[in-house]
Structure formats: C-alpha cells, structure tokens
C-alpha atoms as a PDB file:
ATOM      1  CA  MET A   1     -43.640  56.334 -68.692  1.00  0.00           C
ATOM      2  CA  PRO A   2     -40.107  55.035 -69.334  1.00  0.00           C
ATOM      3  CA  ARG A   3     -38.313  56.684 -72.200  1.00  0.00           C
ATOM      4  CA  ASP A   4     -37.305  54.705 -75.277  1.00  0.00           C
ATOM      5  CA  GLY A   5     -33.667  54.743 -74.155  1.00  0.00           C
ATOM      6  CA  ALA A   6     -34.563  53.296 -70.782  1.00  0.00           C
ATOM      7  CA  LEU A   7     -36.657  50.576 -72.400  1.00  0.00           C
ATOM      8  CA  ALA A   8     -33.841  49.689 -74.787  1.00  0.00           C
ATOM      9  CA  SER A   9     -31.389  49.578 -71.896  1.00  0.00           C
ATOM     10  CA  SER A  10     -33.745  47.335 -69.933  1.00  0.00           C
ATOM     11  CA  ARG A  11     -34.123  44.975 -72.872  1.00  0.00           C
ATOM     12  CA  ARG A  12     -30.347  44.802 -73.319  1.00  0.00           C
ATOM     13  CA  PHE A  13     -29.907  44.020 -69.648  1.00  0.00           C
ATOM     14  CA  ARG A  14     -32.518  41.247 -69.759  1.00  0.00           C
ATOM     15  CA  LYS A  15     -30.947  39.807 -72.895  1.00  0.00           C
ATOM     16  CA  ARG A  16     -27.473  39.832 -71.342  1.00  0.00           C
ATOM     17  CA  GLN A  17     -28.777  38.251 -68.160  1.00  0.00           C
ATOM     18  CA  ALA A  18     -30.589  35.559 -70.135  1.00  0.00           C
ATOM     19  CA  THR A  19     -27.394  34.767 -72.062  1.00  0.00           C
ATOM     20  CA  ARG A  20     -25.376  34.631 -68.855  1.00  0.00           C
ATOM     21  CA  ASP A  21     -27.918  32.347 -67.203  1.00  0.00           C
ATOM     22  CA  ARG A  22     -27.915  30.061 -70.248  1.00  0.00           C
ATOM     23  CA  LEU A  23     -24.124  29.818 -70.198  1.00  0.00           C
ATOM     24  CA  VAL A  24     -24.099  28.892 -66.519  1.00  0.00           C
ATOM     25  CA  ALA A  25     -26.888  26.347 -67.018  1.00  0.00           C
ATOM     26  CA  CYS A  26     -25.166  24.714 -69.993  1.00  0.00           C
ATOM     27  CA  ALA A  27     -21.813  24.639 -68.251  1.00  0.00           C
ATOM     28  CA  THR A  28     -23.347  23.078 -65.160  1.00  0.00           C
ATOM     29  CA  GLU A  29     -25.034  20.363 -67.197  1.00  0.00           C
ATOM     30  CA  LEU A  30     -21.807  19.549 -69.033  1.00  0.00           C
ATOM     31  CA  PHE A  31     -19.695  19.550 -65.869  1.00  0.00           C
ATOM     32  CA  VAL A  32     -22.063  17.084 -64.242  1.00  0.00           C
ATOM     33  CA  ASP A  33     -22.552  14.854 -67.297  1.00  0.00           C
ATOM     34  CA  ARG A  34     -19.008  14.808 -68.736  1.00  0.00           C
ATOM     35  CA  GLY A  35     -16.884  15.937 -65.819  1.00  0.00           C
ATOM     36  CA  TYR A  36     -15.217  19.292 -65.258  1.00  0.00           C
ATOM     37  CA  ASP A  37     -11.865  18.412 -66.787  1.00  0.00           C
ATOM     38  CA  ALA A  38     -13.451  16.795 -69.849  1.00  0.00           C
ATOM     39  CA  THR A  39     -15.504  19.905 -70.639  1.00  0.00           C
ATOM     40  CA  SER A  40     -13.954  22.696 -72.692  1.00  0.00           C
ATOM     41  CA  LEU A  41     -15.033  26.299 -73.154  1.00  0.00           C
ATOM     42  CA  ASP A  42     -15.751  25.392 -76.787  1.00  0.00           C
ATOM     43  CA  ASP A  43     -18.153  22.704 -75.559  1.00  0.00           C
ATOM     44  CA  ILE A  44     -19.958  25.219 -73.364  1.00  0.00           C
ATOM     45  CA  ALA A  45     -20.246  27.812 -76.129  1.00  0.00           C
ATOM     46  CA  GLU A  46     -21.602  25.193 -78.509  1.00  0.00           C
ATOM     47  CA  ALA A  47     -24.136  23.913 -75.982  1.00  0.00           C
ATOM     48  CA  ALA A  48     -25.337  27.458 -75.295  1.00  0.00           C
ATOM     49  CA  ASP A  49     -25.437  28.214 -79.052  1.00  0.00           C
ATOM     50  CA  VAL A  50     -23.164  31.250 -78.794  1.00  0.00           C
ATOM     51  CA  ALA A  51     -19.819  32.157 -80.313  1.00  0.00           C
ATOM     52  CA  LYS A  52     -16.779  31.517 -78.146  1.00  0.00           C
ATOM     53  CA  GLY A  53     -16.116  35.260 -78.219  1.00  0.00           C
ATOM     54  CA  THR A  54     -19.535  35.834 -76.688  1.00  0.00           C
ATOM     55  CA  LEU A  55     -18.718  33.361 -73.937  1.00  0.00           C
ATOM     56  CA  PHE A  56     -15.503  35.288 -73.190  1.00  0.00           C
ATOM     57  CA  ASN A  57     -17.548  38.467 -72.802  1.00  0.00           C
ATOM     58  CA  TYR A  58     -19.093  36.863 -69.729  1.00  0.00           C
ATOM     59  CA  PHE A  59     -16.585  34.297 -68.446  1.00  0.00           C
ATOM     60  CA  GLN A  60     -12.856  34.060 -69.027  1.00  0.00           C
ATOM     61  CA  ARG A  61     -12.289  30.649 -67.452  1.00  0.00           C
ATOM     62  CA  LYS A  62     -14.242  27.507 -66.612  1.00  0.00           C
ATOM     63  CA  ASP A  63     -13.906  28.145 -62.900  1.00  0.00           C
ATOM     64  CA  ASP A  64     -15.662  31.493 -63.402  1.00  0.00           C
ATOM     65  CA  LEU A  65     -18.747  29.508 -64.421  1.00  0.00           C
ATOM     66  CA  VAL A  66     -18.508  27.374 -61.294  1.00  0.00           C
ATOM     67  CA  ALA A  67     -18.188  30.546 -59.215  1.00  0.00           C
ATOM     68  CA  ALA A  68     -21.276  31.965 -60.923  1.00  0.00           C
ATOM     69  CA  TRP A  69     -23.262  28.862 -59.949  1.00  0.00           C
ATOM     70  CA  VAL A  70     -22.191  29.305 -56.338  1.00  0.00           C
ATOM     71  CA  GLU A  71     -22.953  33.031 -56.474  1.00  0.00           C
ATOM     72  CA  GLU A  72     -26.582  32.220 -57.261  1.00  0.00           C
ATOM     73  CA  ARG A  73     -26.814  30.582 -53.841  1.00  0.00           C
ATOM     74  CA  ARG A  74     -25.155  33.536 -52.123  1.00  0.00           C
ATOM     75  CA  LEU A  75     -27.657  35.874 -53.754  1.00  0.00           C
ATOM     76  CA  ALA A  76     -30.467  33.737 -52.361  1.00  0.00           C
ATOM     77  CA  ILE A  77     -29.408  34.414 -48.782  1.00  0.00           C
ATOM     78  CA  ARG A  78     -28.834  38.078 -49.600  1.00  0.00           C
ATOM     79  CA  GLN A  79     -32.446  38.183 -50.769  1.00  0.00           C
ATOM     80  CA  VAL A  80     -33.600  36.551 -47.535  1.00  0.00           C
ATOM     81  CA  LEU A  81     -31.866  39.260 -45.508  1.00  0.00           C
ATOM     82  CA  ASP A  82     -33.333  42.008 -47.664  1.00  0.00           C
ATOM     83  CA  GLU A  83     -36.870  40.659 -47.385  1.00  0.00           C
ATOM     84  CA  LEU A  84     -36.961  39.756 -43.696  1.00  0.00           C
ATOM     85  CA  ASP A  85     -38.377  42.238 -41.213  1.00  0.00           C
ATOM     86  CA  PRO A  86     -35.331  43.949 -39.619  1.00  0.00           C
ATOM     87  CA  VAL A  87     -36.654  43.072 -36.149  1.00  0.00           C
ATOM     88  CA  THR A  88     -36.608  39.325 -36.881  1.00  0.00           C
ATOM     89  CA  ASP A  89     -34.536  37.651 -34.187  1.00  0.00           C
ATOM     90  CA  THR A  90     -31.072  36.291 -34.914  1.00  0.00           C
ATOM     91  CA  VAL A  91     -31.932  32.593 -34.666  1.00  0.00           C
ATOM     92  CA  GLU A  92     -34.923  32.912 -36.981  1.00  0.00           C
ATOM     93  CA  THR A  93     -32.886  34.960 -39.467  1.00  0.00           C
ATOM     94  CA  VAL A  94     -30.065  32.415 -39.611  1.00  0.00           C
ATOM     95  CA  ARG A  95     -32.512  29.550 -39.995  1.00  0.00           C
ATOM     96  CA  ALA A  96     -34.278  31.384 -42.845  1.00  0.00           C
ATOM     97  CA  MET A  97     -30.935  31.872 -44.595  1.00  0.00           C
ATOM     98  CA  LEU A  98     -29.956  28.237 -44.197  1.00  0.00           C
ATOM     99  CA  ALA A  99     -33.396  27.013 -45.275  1.00  0.00           C
ATOM    100  CA  ALA A 100     -33.116  29.055 -48.485  1.00  0.00           C
ATOM    101  CA  LEU A 101     -29.702  27.540 -49.199  1.00  0.00           C
ATOM    102  CA  ALA A 102     -30.911  24.026 -48.458  1.00  0.00           C
ATOM    103  CA  ARG A 103     -33.891  24.430 -50.798  1.00  0.00           C
ATOM    104  CA  LEU A 104     -31.604  25.449 -53.649  1.00  0.00           C
ATOM    105  CA  TYR A 105     -29.101  22.658 -53.091  1.00  0.00           C
ATOM    106  CA  GLU A 106     -31.752  19.992 -52.502  1.00  0.00           C
ATOM    107  CA  ALA A 107     -33.911  21.021 -55.464  1.00  0.00           C
ATOM    108  CA  ASP A 108     -31.693  18.817 -57.650  1.00  0.00           C
ATOM    109  CA  VAL A 109     -29.217  16.806 -55.589  1.00  0.00           C
ATOM    110  CA  ASP A 110     -27.855  15.022 -58.665  1.00  0.00           C
ATOM    111  CA  VAL A 111     -26.545  18.375 -59.879  1.00  0.00           C
ATOM    112  CA  SER A 112     -25.816  20.146 -56.610  1.00  0.00           C
ATOM    113  CA  ARG A 113     -23.658  17.470 -55.023  1.00  0.00           C
ATOM    114  CA  PRO A 114     -21.202  17.115 -57.927  1.00  0.00           C
ATOM    115  CA  MET A 115     -21.114  20.894 -58.386  1.00  0.00           C
ATOM    116  CA  VAL A 116     -20.120  21.376 -54.754  1.00  0.00           C
ATOM    117  CA  ARG A 117     -17.340  18.835 -55.260  1.00  0.00           C
ATOM    118  CA  ILE A 118     -16.216  20.659 -58.422  1.00  0.00           C
ATOM    119  CA  TRP A 119     -16.221  23.974 -56.554  1.00  0.00           C
ATOM    120  CA  LEU A 120     -14.098  22.402 -53.817  1.00  0.00           C
ATOM    121  CA  GLN A 121     -11.745  20.907 -56.419  1.00  0.00           C
ATOM    122  CA  ASN A 122     -11.237  24.385 -57.849  1.00  0.00           C
ATOM    123  CA  GLY A 123     -10.316  25.919 -54.504  1.00  0.00           C
ATOM    124  CA  GLY A 124     -13.712  27.432 -53.753  1.00  0.00           C
ATOM    125  CA  PRO A 125     -13.221  28.013 -50.002  1.00  0.00           C
ATOM    126  CA  LEU A 126      -9.863  29.704 -50.697  1.00  0.00           C
ATOM    127  CA  LEU A 127     -11.284  32.214 -53.167  1.00  0.00           C
ATOM    128  CA  ALA A 128     -12.100  35.764 -52.136  1.00  0.00           C
ATOM    129  CA  GLU A 129     -15.785  35.191 -52.873  1.00  0.00           C
ATOM    130  CA  ALA A 130     -16.079  32.802 -49.918  1.00  0.00           C
ATOM    131  CA  SER A 131     -15.494  35.715 -47.548  1.00  0.00           C
ATOM    132  CA  GLU A 132     -18.562  37.418 -49.002  1.00  0.00           C
ATOM    133  CA  THR A 133     -20.723  34.698 -47.467  1.00  0.00           C
ATOM    134  CA  ALA A 134     -18.980  35.260 -44.133  1.00  0.00           C
ATOM    135  CA  GLY A 135     -19.851  38.917 -44.552  1.00  0.00           C
ATOM    136  CA  LEU A 136     -23.545  38.046 -44.721  1.00  0.00           C
ATOM    137  CA  PHE A 137     -23.307  36.045 -41.510  1.00  0.00           C
ATOM    138  CA  ALA A 138     -21.408  38.932 -39.890  1.00  0.00           C
ATOM    139  CA  GLU A 139     -24.209  41.300 -40.863  1.00  0.00           C
ATOM    140  CA  VAL A 140     -26.738  39.126 -39.041  1.00  0.00           C
ATOM    141  CA  LEU A 141     -24.532  38.938 -35.961  1.00  0.00           C
ATOM    142  CA  ARG A 142     -24.049  42.715 -35.930  1.00  0.00           C
ATOM    143  CA  ARG A 143     -27.815  43.140 -36.000  1.00  0.00           C
ATOM    144  CA  GLY A 144     -28.007  40.744 -33.081  1.00  0.00           C
ATOM    145  CA  VAL A 145     -25.436  42.741 -31.112  1.00  0.00           C
ATOM    146  CA  ALA A 146     -27.416  45.932 -31.758  1.00  0.00           C
ATOM    147  CA  SER A 147     -30.663  44.307 -30.548  1.00  0.00           C
ATOM    148  CA  GLY A 148     -29.032  42.813 -27.468  1.00  0.00           C
ATOM    149  CA  GLU A 149     -29.533  39.199 -28.596  1.00  0.00           C
ATOM    150  CA  VAL A 150     -25.881  38.557 -29.337  1.00  0.00           C
ATOM    151  CA  LEU A 151     -23.006  39.026 -26.888  1.00  0.00           C
ATOM    152  CA  ALA A 152     -21.945  42.674 -26.957  1.00  0.00           C
ATOM    153  CA  ASP A 153     -18.199  41.899 -26.954  1.00  0.00           C
ATOM    154  CA  LEU A 154     -18.407  39.353 -29.769  1.00  0.00           C
ATOM    155  CA  GLU A 155     -15.899  39.773 -32.602  1.00  0.00           C
ATOM    156  CA  THR A 156     -18.570  39.396 -35.264  1.00  0.00           C
ATOM    157  CA  SER A 157     -16.161  39.036 -38.185  1.00  0.00           C
ATOM    158  CA  VAL A 158     -14.326  36.193 -36.437  1.00  0.00           C
ATOM    159  CA  ALA A 159     -17.566  34.490 -35.384  1.00  0.00           C
ATOM    160  CA  ALA A 160     -18.880  34.804 -38.935  1.00  0.00           C
ATOM    161  CA  ARG A 161     -15.825  33.015 -40.318  1.00  0.00           C
ATOM    162  CA  VAL A 162     -16.306  30.244 -37.756  1.00  0.00           C
ATOM    163  CA  PHE A 163     -19.934  29.978 -38.849  1.00  0.00           C
ATOM    164  CA  LEU A 164     -18.869  29.850 -42.500  1.00  0.00           C
ATOM    165  CA  ASP A 165     -16.372  27.072 -41.765  1.00  0.00           C
ATOM    166  CA  ALA A 166     -19.044  25.079 -39.939  1.00  0.00           C
ATOM    167  CA  TYR A 167     -21.530  25.628 -42.774  1.00  0.00           C
ATOM    168  CA  LEU A 168     -19.024  24.516 -45.402  1.00  0.00           C
ATOM    169  CA  GLY A 169     -18.152  21.427 -43.370  1.00  0.00           C
ATOM    170  CA  VAL A 170     -21.806  20.359 -43.372  1.00  0.00           C
ATOM    171  CA  LEU A 171     -22.084  21.097 -47.089  1.00  0.00           C
ATOM    172  CA  TYR A 172     -18.965  19.080 -47.958  1.00  0.00           C
ATOM    173  CA  ARG A 173     -20.083  16.047 -45.981  1.00  0.00           C
ATOM    174  CA  TRP A 174     -23.477  16.194 -47.685  1.00  0.00           C
ATOM    175  CA  ALA A 175     -21.879  16.494 -51.120  1.00  0.00           C
ATOM    176  CA  GLY A 176     -19.489  13.620 -50.458  1.00  0.00           C
ATOM    177  CA  ALA A 177     -21.908  11.149 -48.883  1.00  0.00           C
ATOM    178  CA  ARG A 178     -22.736   7.969 -50.774  1.00  0.00           C
ATOM    179  CA  ALA A 179     -26.430   8.741 -50.575  1.00  0.00           C
ATOM    180  CA  VAL A 180     -28.530  11.436 -48.916  1.00  0.00           C
ATOM    181  CA  LYS A 181     -32.038  11.481 -47.544  1.00  0.00           C
ATOM    182  CA  LYS A 182     -34.610  14.112 -48.406  1.00  0.00           C
ATOM    183  CA  ARG A 183     -34.106  17.320 -46.403  1.00  0.00           C
ATOM    184  CA  ALA A 184     -30.948  15.863 -44.849  1.00  0.00           C
ATOM    185  CA  LEU A 185     -28.979  19.001 -45.684  1.00  0.00           C
ATOM    186  CA  GLN A 186     -31.438  21.375 -44.041  1.00  0.00           C
ATOM    187  CA  SER A 187     -31.576  19.199 -40.933  1.00  0.00           C
ATOM    188  CA  ALA A 188     -27.778  19.084 -40.673  1.00  0.00           C
ATOM    189  CA  LEU A 189     -27.471  22.834 -41.244  1.00  0.00           C
ATOM    190  CA  PHE A 190     -30.016  23.575 -38.529  1.00  0.00           C
ATOM    191  CA  GLU A 191     -28.207  21.304 -36.072  1.00  0.00           C
ATOM    192  CA  MET A 192     -24.908  23.062 -36.836  1.00  0.00           C
ATOM    193  CA  ALA A 193     -26.501  26.497 -36.428  1.00  0.00           C
ATOM    194  CA  ASP A 194     -28.030  25.564 -33.082  1.00  0.00           C
ATOM    195  CA  VAL A 195     -24.606  24.616 -31.720  1.00  0.00           C
ATOM    196  CA  VAL A 196     -22.802  27.695 -33.062  1.00  0.00           C
ATOM    197  CA  LEU A 197     -25.509  30.167 -32.099  1.00  0.00           C
ATOM    198  CA  ASN A 198     -25.645  28.825 -28.556  1.00  0.00           C
ATOM    199  CA  GLY A 199     -22.129  30.201 -28.121  1.00  0.00           C
ATOM    200  CA  VAL A 200     -22.908  33.744 -29.272  1.00  0.00           C
ATOM    201  CA  ILE A 201     -26.464  34.399 -28.073  1.00  0.00           C
ATOM    202  CA  THR A 202     -26.802  36.213 -24.746  1.00  0.00           C
ATOM    203  CA  PRO A 203     -27.858  33.955 -21.830  1.00  0.00           C
ATOM    204  CA  ARG A 204     -31.326  35.465 -21.565  1.00  0.00           C
ATOM    205  CA  ASN A 205     -31.968  34.758 -25.273  1.00  0.00           C
ATOM    206  CA  ARG A 206     -30.583  31.218 -25.408  1.00  0.00           C
ATOM    207  CA  THR A 207     -34.032  29.768 -24.889  1.00  0.00           C
ATOM    208  CA  SER A 208     -34.730  30.769 -28.510  1.00  0.00           C
ATOM    209  CA  VAL A 209     -32.014  28.381 -29.722  1.00  0.00           C
ATOM    210  CA  PRO A 210     -33.519  24.901 -30.195  1.00  0.00           C
ATOM    211  CA  ARG A 211     -31.629  22.270 -28.245  1.00  0.00           C
ATOM    212  CA  ARG A 212     -32.268  19.639 -30.882  1.00  0.00           C
ATOM    213  CA  THR A 213     -33.486  19.592 -34.467  1.00  0.00           C
ATOM    214  CA  ARG A 214     -35.845  16.784 -35.388  1.00  0.00           C
END
C-alpha cells in the first residue's frame, strides 16, 4: 500500500494539475470571448478564482497559457505513439496521430479556430516548442526507416520539419476559413499526409499510401 507521504504527494500533484487546467480553461474562454489583447492576467486569475500570485506560480505571461493549450494537443499525439503497437506501419501511425489532433481541434471549432489564430499571432511556429512536434514526426519516420518502410537514406529530421510545415499550413487555412464543414480538418490533414508520405515511403510500400482521401 502507498505510504502516507506518497498519498499526500499524489494529492498535491492532482490539486496542482487541476489548478493548472482551470487556469488554461479560463484563459482560453476569455481569449475567445474578449480577445487576447483585451484579456489581462488579472482577468484570468479572477475567472479561475485564484490569487494573481498563484497564477504566476504556473504561468508568467499570457502567451504561456496559449502555449499550454497547444501543448495539450501535442501530448495527445505523444499518447497515440505510446499506445500504438510498435509494429504499426508508418502510414497508419501518422493517420492515427492526425486523427487524434483533428478530434481535439474539431471538438469545439468555435474555440479551436480562434485559439489557433491567437497562437499564430503570438509567434507559435517560431517558438522552440514547435520543434517538439517535428520531433514526434521524426520519431515515426525513424521507426519506418528501421522497419524498411521508409527510404533508408532519408534525413528524418529534415523530412519531419517539412511534414510539420505542411501540417501547420493545413491547420492555418482551416483556422482562417470563413466557415468549415464537419471533419474538414481531418480530411485535409489526411490528404496532406498522403502526398508527403508518398515521397518518403519505399516503392514497395507505396501501395499502403491512399491515393485519395474521400
């Protein structure tokens, strides 16, 4: 059985995580409703019912809260990679990652689309965290090289950055469109992946890359 100290530590962790999640949720709601520039850290602390000092224990700046919202999506694809059978082929793995992202973004488009625009406004693609997503794509490509599915001489880090750029392009167009249809993001992401993967998959495995997404 866990010792009292371990239980207390676990409770503290859960409490801290709950506070952090509440801060991100309140900030997101305010950014969408009022606008990023019109929302202050005081507003966020008040909405989350915490002291401003408590807010600073978690986030120093408003853009840290935007980054935390984006990080939740990166963690989703990390979870996909951790849970998939290691022998899952490259195309299926990439599609599972993109499907997980699409589900999160499309769960509430009225929040996701403005938040993507806010992230872009705050230099999201230029921040170091963006390369972490490229690192996840590179991991998948390295697995593909090891299994013989992906070209052996592929510079996986370069290809991963190309994939990230293509992914972000799809995401930006979706976020900036006047209106979007249901599952439009997933469809567009799959179409992008099919094109990119066709350039890195070995000839004998290219039959696994769908020629067209319906």
